[in-house]
């Protein structure tokens, strides 16, 4: 039944959504159940107790303005490092400012174009530079902007129009949507990149309701990062609707499931979150580590040490810091084992700098 509906209805998705503005599900209707984001938003409230989450409008743009913004985004993205900041930004505040600008532009362009690449950019900046701003001492106008965006992450998870639901960020949460066209309760179980399975549970008050569900497939699942990044491994994932495997259409970075849904439904995405070893043309003799959207910062690595591109990397969950920690061997100039490095998420690093992200690497 679901597969037949998929085949019959997918060709109408584009026509039905043209000319309609997506809107975010208001954060007041979304309950976070994700330890990472609960910790971050809690830290924001502690650091800025007077910070209020502003409601975001989605004003109409002319075609010329949209074109200019897309061109600006393309130029920024081509000059963006793994953490979401522009290349060449050395100071923390300048990196945070560039990441915030990219995140804000990505958010607006996603609502206008429904293109998943803007969700990828937003996710990258949120989990790295902007998350790091929350845990950095000292307050400034730039840091306050970064914290304000982190504080309203609830607004960034889901978006909808008359009969389309978009899952833009994969954050464990619950929400209720009630509008002229939609009435449903949804639960997102499992959070990327902490788990290898995500389930979206849809509960409809009526016996049946038509809805096209769009779930963003993060670029890192396919082994992609920023343009021109190399050394990637092709990733695979599986999709199930009510326990039955399907092969949905992929449209602009979103998997699309168009169906008339019954009262209780589930969409499950099984995927892998491997540790990506990233070597780029800008850093041909160095390697960075990434898992999911999280970029890692290598600790206790002196400039004379290097890592091996083929070494096995261990992963564990640090209960004290409530985050993932990676570790493996490092080597001296003669190639002898010189000890073991520890890699923590970039936002947790005491010194957020490029030298701890990109480290010398040998085959």
Protein backbone atom coordinates (compact mmCIF):
# COMPACT_ATOMS: atom_id res chain seq x y z
CA UNK A 1 0.00 0.00 0.00
CA UNK A 2 2.69 2.47 1.02
CA UNK A 3 4.88 1.58 -1.97
CA UNK A 4 2.00 2.07 -4.41
CA UNK A 5 1.26 5.47 -2.95
CA UNK A 6 4.93 6.36 -3.17
CA UNK A 7 5.06 5.63 -6.89
CA UNK A 8 1.75 7.35 -7.61
CA UNK A 9 2.30 10.52 -5.60
CA UNK A 10 6.00 11.38 -5.74
CA UNK A 11 5.76 13.07 -9.14
CA UNK A 12 3.39 15.70 -7.70
CA UNK A 13 5.62 16.81 -4.83
CA UNK A 14 7.36 19.66 -6.63
CA UNK A 15 4.21 21.08 -8.17
CA UNK A 16 2.36 21.01 -4.87
CA UNK A 17 5.08 22.82 -2.92
CA UNK A 18 5.90 25.53 -5.47
CA UNK A 19 4.88 29.00 -4.33
CA UNK A 20 4.28 28.00 -0.70
CA UNK A 21 6.52 29.22 2.08
CA UNK A 22 7.77 26.70 4.58
CA UNK A 23 7.44 27.70 8.19
CA UNK A 24 9.15 26.27 11.23
CA UNK A 25 7.20 24.49 13.90
CA UNK A 26 7.30 27.01 16.74
CA UNK A 27 9.71 26.00 19.48
CA UNK A 28 6.96 26.35 22.08
CA UNK A 29 5.37 23.29 20.50
CA UNK A 30 8.59 21.25 20.52
CA UNK A 31 9.97 19.37 23.53
CA UNK A 32 13.66 18.44 23.43
CA UNK A 33 14.65 14.99 24.68
CA UNK A 34 18.29 15.06 23.56
CA UNK A 35 21.07 15.25 26.18
CA UNK A 36 23.43 17.17 23.87
CA UNK A 37 20.97 19.93 23.11
CA UNK A 38 19.47 20.02 26.58
CA UNK A 39 22.98 20.59 27.95
CA UNK A 40 23.71 23.29 25.38
CA UNK A 41 20.45 25.18 25.79
CA UNK A 42 20.83 24.91 29.57
CA UNK A 43 24.30 26.44 29.34
CA UNK A 44 22.90 29.26 27.19
CA UNK A 45 20.26 30.07 29.81
CA UNK A 46 22.90 30.06 32.53
CA UNK A 47 25.23 32.36 30.59
CA UNK A 48 22.52 34.67 29.25
CA UNK A 49 19.55 34.48 31.65
CA UNK A 50 17.88 37.45 29.94
CA UNK A 51 18.07 35.94 26.46
CA UNK A 52 14.66 35.48 24.87
CA UNK A 53 13.95 33.34 21.86
CA UNK A 54 12.72 35.62 19.10
CA UNK A 55 10.02 34.50 16.72
CA UNK A 56 11.35 34.31 13.19
CA UNK A 57 9.34 35.54 10.24
CA UNK A 58 9.67 34.24 6.70
CA UNK A 59 9.28 37.37 4.54
CA UNK A 60 8.77 37.19 0.80
CA UNK A 61 11.90 37.54 -1.31
CA UNK A 62 12.10 38.66 -4.90
CA UNK A 63 13.74 36.30 -7.38
CA UNK A 64 16.69 38.68 -7.69
CA UNK A 65 17.25 38.76 -3.94
CA UNK A 66 17.02 35.00 -3.70
CA UNK A 67 19.56 34.69 -6.52
CA UNK A 68 21.95 37.09 -4.76
CA UNK A 69 21.64 35.17 -1.49
CA UNK A 70 22.29 31.84 -3.22
CA UNK A 71 25.38 33.30 -4.86
CA UNK A 72 26.58 34.67 -1.53
CA UNK A 73 26.03 31.30 0.13
CA UNK A 74 27.91 29.47 -2.63
CA UNK A 75 30.87 31.81 -2.19
CA UNK A 76 30.84 31.37 1.59
CA UNK A 77 30.48 27.58 1.45
CA UNK A 78 33.41 27.22 -0.93
CA UNK A 79 35.56 29.02 1.63
CA UNK A 80 34.26 27.24 4.72
CA UNK A 81 36.35 24.99 6.94
CA UNK A 82 35.02 21.80 8.53
CA UNK A 83 33.83 23.62 11.65
CA UNK A 84 31.62 26.07 9.75
CA UNK A 85 33.91 29.10 9.97
CA UNK A 86 35.53 30.87 7.04
CA UNK A 87 39.07 29.96 6.07
CA UNK A 88 41.71 32.26 7.49
CA UNK A 89 39.75 33.37 10.55
CA UNK A 90 42.13 32.99 13.48
CA UNK A 91 40.34 34.75 16.34
CA UNK A 92 37.49 32.98 18.13
CA UNK A 93 35.06 35.86 17.72
CA UNK A 94 35.74 36.27 14.01
CA UNK A 95 35.21 32.53 13.51
CA UNK A 96 31.99 32.65 15.50
CA UNK A 97 30.80 35.67 13.50
CA UNK A 98 31.44 33.98 10.14
CA UNK A 99 29.78 30.75 11.33
CA UNK A 100 26.74 32.63 12.62
CA UNK A 101 26.35 34.47 9.32
CA UNK A 102 26.55 31.20 7.38
CA UNK A 103 24.04 29.53 9.73
CA UNK A 104 21.59 32.42 9.49
CA UNK A 105 21.80 32.53 5.69
CA UNK A 106 21.48 28.73 5.49
CA UNK A 107 18.36 28.81 7.66
CA UNK A 108 16.68 31.39 5.44
CA UNK A 109 17.64 29.66 2.20
CA UNK A 110 16.34 26.30 3.43
CA UNK A 111 12.91 27.81 4.02
CA UNK A 112 12.94 29.40 0.56
CA UNK A 113 14.37 26.53 -1.49
CA UNK A 114 13.77 23.33 0.54
CA UNK A 115 17.32 22.29 -0.36
CA UNK A 116 19.06 19.91 2.04
CA UNK A 117 22.53 21.37 1.50
CA UNK A 118 21.49 24.39 3.54
CA UNK A 119 20.46 22.05 6.34
CA UNK A 120 23.90 20.41 6.11
CA UNK A 121 25.60 23.79 6.51
CA UNK A 122 23.34 24.77 9.40
CA UNK A 123 24.02 21.46 11.16
CA UNK A 124 27.80 21.83 10.73
CA UNK A 125 27.92 25.33 12.22
CA UNK A 126 25.58 24.46 15.09
CA UNK A 127 27.50 21.37 16.25
CA UNK A 128 30.94 22.97 16.03
CA UNK A 129 31.61 26.73 16.03
CA UNK A 130 28.31 27.87 17.54
CA UNK A 131 28.26 25.11 20.16
CA UNK A 132 31.84 26.11 21.03
CA UNK A 133 30.74 29.71 21.56
CA UNK A 134 28.41 28.57 24.34
CA UNK A 135 31.29 27.10 26.34
CA UNK A 136 33.78 29.92 25.67
CA UNK A 137 34.40 32.38 28.48
CA UNK A 138 33.64 36.04 27.89
CA UNK A 139 30.56 37.71 26.47
CA UNK A 140 30.28 39.80 23.34
CA UNK A 141 27.67 40.79 20.77
CA UNK A 142 28.87 38.04 18.43
CA UNK A 143 28.82 35.39 21.14
CA UNK A 144 25.37 36.47 22.19
CA UNK A 145 24.12 35.99 18.62
CA UNK A 146 25.66 32.52 18.51
CA UNK A 147 24.06 31.58 21.82
CA UNK A 148 20.71 32.99 20.69
CA UNK A 149 20.69 30.62 17.70
CA UNK A 150 21.66 27.66 19.90
CA UNK A 151 18.92 28.67 22.33
CA UNK A 152 16.23 28.40 19.67
CA UNK A 153 17.29 25.05 18.20
CA UNK A 154 13.72 23.85 18.77
CA UNK A 155 12.65 26.18 15.97
CA UNK A 156 15.13 24.64 13.53
CA UNK A 157 14.18 20.96 13.75
CA UNK A 158 10.89 20.77 11.83
CA UNK A 159 9.25 22.80 9.08
CA UNK A 160 5.94 22.38 7.28
CA UNK A 161 3.38 23.79 4.89
CA UNK A 162 -0.14 22.67 4.02
CA UNK A 163 0.63 18.96 3.54
CA UNK A 164 4.42 18.64 3.80
CA UNK A 165 6.54 17.90 6.84
CA UNK A 166 10.31 18.48 6.78
CA UNK A 167 12.72 17.02 9.33
CA UNK A 168 15.74 19.30 8.99
CA UNK A 169 17.74 18.50 12.14
CA UNK A 170 17.92 15.01 13.63
CA UNK A 171 17.38 15.91 17.28
CA UNK A 172 15.43 13.65 19.65
CA UNK A 173 12.22 15.54 20.33
CA UNK A 174 8.43 15.62 20.29
CA UNK A 175 6.15 18.13 18.62
CA UNK A 176 2.55 18.81 17.78
CA UNK A 177 1.52 20.51 14.55
CA UNK A 178 -1.96 21.91 14.13
CA UNK A 179 -2.70 24.15 11.18
CA UNK A 180 -5.30 24.58 8.47
CA UNK A 181 -3.82 21.63 6.60
CA UNK A 182 -2.10 19.46 9.22
CA UNK A 183 -2.98 17.97 12.56
CA UNK A 184 -0.50 15.46 13.96
CA UNK A 185 1.77 14.57 16.86
CA UNK A 186 5.28 13.43 16.04
CA UNK A 187 8.17 11.95 17.98
CA UNK A 188 11.73 11.76 16.72
CA UNK A 189 13.49 8.91 18.50
CA UNK A 190 17.26 8.67 18.36
CA UNK A 191 19.61 11.53 17.62
CA UNK A 192 22.37 11.82 15.09
CA UNK A 193 25.26 11.31 15.44
CA UNK A 194 24.93 9.43 18.74
CA UNK A 195 22.83 6.52 17.46
CA UNK A 196 22.76 4.43 14.28
CA UNK A 197 18.98 4.38 14.04
CA UNK A 198 16.45 7.18 13.87
CA UNK A 199 12.70 6.62 14.08
CA UNK A 200 9.99 9.16 13.29
CA UNK A 201 6.65 8.23 14.88
CA UNK A 202 3.56 9.93 13.43
CA UNK A 203 0.23 9.92 15.23
CA UNK A 204 -2.84 11.25 13.43
CA UNK A 205 -6.09 12.10 15.23
CA UNK A 206 -8.13 11.20 12.14
CA UNK A 207 -8.46 7.76 10.53
CA UNK A 208 -6.28 8.85 7.63
CA UNK A 209 -4.41 11.95 6.51
CA UNK A 210 -2.34 12.74 3.46
CA UNK A 211 1.18 13.92 4.25
CA UNK A 212 4.46 14.08 2.37
CA UNK A 213 7.36 13.52 4.78
CA UNK A 214 10.81 14.85 3.88
CA UNK A 215 13.74 13.67 6.02
CA UNK A 216 17.13 15.24 5.37
CA UNK A 217 19.87 12.76 4.56
CA UNK A 218 23.01 14.37 6.04
CA UNK A 219 25.93 14.71 3.66
CA UNK A 220 28.17 12.90 6.14
CA UNK A 221 26.12 9.70 5.75
CA UNK A 222 27.27 9.67 2.12
CA UNK A 223 30.82 10.46 3.24
CA UNK A 224 30.69 14.07 2.03
CA UNK A 225 31.85 17.13 3.91
CA UNK A 226 32.79 20.40 2.21
CA UNK A 227 33.38 20.85 -1.53
CA UNK A 228 36.62 19.28 -2.75
CA UNK A 229 37.00 17.12 0.36
CA UNK A 230 38.66 13.80 -0.40
CA UNK A 231 39.35 10.41 1.13
CA UNK A 232 35.68 9.64 1.68
CA UNK A 233 34.00 6.26 1.88
CA UNK A 234 30.58 5.74 0.30
CA UNK A 235 27.98 5.19 3.02
CA UNK A 236 24.67 3.32 2.86
CA UNK A 237 21.42 3.54 4.78
CA UNK A 238 18.07 1.73 4.84
CA UNK A 239 14.55 3.09 5.20
CA UNK A 240 11.49 1.32 6.62
CA UNK A 241 7.85 2.45 6.78
CA UNK A 242 5.87 0.63 9.46
CA UNK A 243 8.56 -2.04 9.48
CA UNK A 244 8.53 -2.62 5.72
CA UNK A 245 11.66 -1.71 3.68
CA UNK A 246 11.19 0.91 0.97
CA UNK A 247 13.37 2.78 -1.50
CA UNK A 248 12.12 6.38 -1.34
CA UNK A 249 12.83 9.10 -3.82
CA UNK A 250 15.64 11.51 -2.90
CA UNK A 251 14.86 15.12 -3.68
CA UNK A 252 17.28 17.98 -2.92
CA UNK A 253 18.99 15.98 -0.18
CA UNK A 254 15.73 14.80 1.44
CA UNK A 255 14.21 11.34 1.24
CA UNK A 256 10.56 11.80 0.30
CA UNK A 257 7.71 9.58 1.48
CA UNK A 258 4.31 10.60 0.11
CA UNK A 259 1.38 8.65 1.51
CA UNK A 260 -2.06 8.66 3.06
CA UNK A 261 -1.16 7.78 6.63
CA UNK A 262 -3.24 5.93 9.19
CA UNK A 263 -3.45 6.85 12.87
CA UNK A 264 -0.13 5.33 14.00
CA UNK A 265 2.92 5.15 11.73
CA UNK A 266 6.68 4.93 11.91
CA UNK A 267 9.53 5.76 9.56
CA UNK A 268 12.87 4.22 10.47
CA UNK A 269 16.26 5.20 9.07
CA UNK A 270 19.16 2.81 9.68
CA UNK A 271 22.55 4.29 8.92
CA UNK A 272 26.18 4.22 9.90
CA UNK A 273 28.10 6.97 11.66
CA UNK A 274 31.69 6.00 10.89
CA UNK A 275 34.71 8.04 11.84
CA UNK A 276 35.60 9.95 8.67
CA UNK A 277 39.26 10.54 7.93
CA UNK A 278 39.34 13.81 6.01
CA UNK A 279 42.18 15.00 3.81
CA UNK A 280 41.53 18.07 1.66
CA UNK A 281 43.53 19.85 -1.06
CA UNK A 282 44.03 22.70 1.39
CA UNK A 283 45.62 20.29 3.88
CA UNK A 284 47.17 17.52 1.72
CA UNK A 285 49.63 16.29 4.36
CA UNK A 286 47.22 16.54 7.28
CA UNK A 287 44.12 14.73 8.42
CA UNK A 288 41.03 15.71 10.37
CA UNK A 289 38.54 13.43 12.11
CA UNK A 290 34.76 13.70 11.98
CA UNK A 291 31.88 11.57 13.23
CA UNK A 292 28.46 12.67 12.17
CA UNK A 293 28.46 16.45 12.18
CA UNK A 294 31.02 16.57 14.98
CA UNK A 295 34.53 17.64 14.03
CA UNK A 296 37.17 16.50 16.53
CA UNK A 297 40.12 18.28 18.07
CA UNK A 298 43.19 16.17 18.85
CA UNK A 299 44.70 16.71 22.27
CA UNK A 300 48.22 16.04 23.62
CA UNK A 301 49.72 16.22 20.11
CA UNK A 302 52.96 18.21 19.84
CA UNK A 303 53.97 19.64 16.40
CA UNK A 304 56.66 16.94 16.08
CA UNK A 305 54.12 14.10 16.23
CA UNK A 306 51.94 12.65 13.50
CA UNK A 307 49.15 10.12 13.08
CA UNK A 308 48.72 7.22 10.67
CA UNK A 309 45.87 7.47 8.16
CA UNK A 310 45.19 3.74 8.33
CA UNK A 311 45.25 3.18 12.10
CA UNK A 312 42.16 1.87 13.85
CA UNK A 313 40.47 4.62 15.88
CA UNK A 314 38.65 3.75 19.09
CA UNK A 315 35.47 5.52 20.18
CA UNK A 316 34.00 5.72 23.67
CA UNK A 317 31.39 7.78 25.47
CA UNK A 318 32.81 10.01 28.20
CA UNK A 319 30.17 10.13 30.94
CA UNK A 320 31.81 13.04 32.74
CA UNK A 321 31.85 15.29 29.68
CA UNK A 322 28.76 13.62 28.22
CA UNK A 323 30.28 13.32 24.77
CA UNK A 324 32.21 11.06 22.41
CA UNK A 325 35.98 10.73 22.71
CA UNK A 326 38.22 9.20 20.06
CA UNK A 327 41.72 7.81 20.56
CA UNK A 328 44.54 6.10 18.69
CA UNK A 329 48.32 6.04 18.45
CA UNK A 330 50.61 8.89 17.43
CA UNK A 331 54.16 8.66 16.12
CA UNK A 332 57.45 10.55 16.34
CA UNK A 333 59.61 11.72 13.40
CA UNK A 334 61.24 8.27 13.12
CA UNK A 335 57.87 6.52 12.90
CA UNK A 336 58.02 5.01 16.38
CA UNK A 337 54.93 4.95 18.57
CA UNK A 338 55.14 8.00 20.83
CA UNK A 339 51.95 7.50 22.82
CA UNK A 340 48.22 7.86 22.35
CA UNK A 341 46.23 10.94 21.45
CA UNK A 342 42.73 11.78 22.64
CA UNK A 343 40.32 13.58 20.35
CA UNK A 344 37.36 15.48 21.79
CA UNK A 345 34.62 17.30 19.86
CA UNK A 346 35.88 20.65 18.63
CA UNK A 347 33.35 22.59 20.70
CA UNK A 348 34.77 21.00 23.88
CA UNK A 349 38.39 21.74 23.04
CA UNK A 350 40.17 24.13 25.46
CA UNK A 351 41.74 25.82 22.43
CA UNK A 352 39.57 25.90 19.35
CA UNK A 353 42.15 26.25 16.60
CA UNK A 354 43.01 24.68 13.24
CA UNK A 355 46.24 23.11 14.47
CA UNK A 356 44.31 20.73 16.71
CA UNK A 357 41.82 19.83 13.95
CA UNK A 358 44.28 19.24 11.11
CA UNK A 359 47.32 17.28 12.29
CA UNK A 360 50.24 15.79 10.33
CA UNK A 361 49.33 12.43 8.87
CA UNK A 362 51.20 9.69 7.01
CA UNK A 363 49.94 6.65 5.09
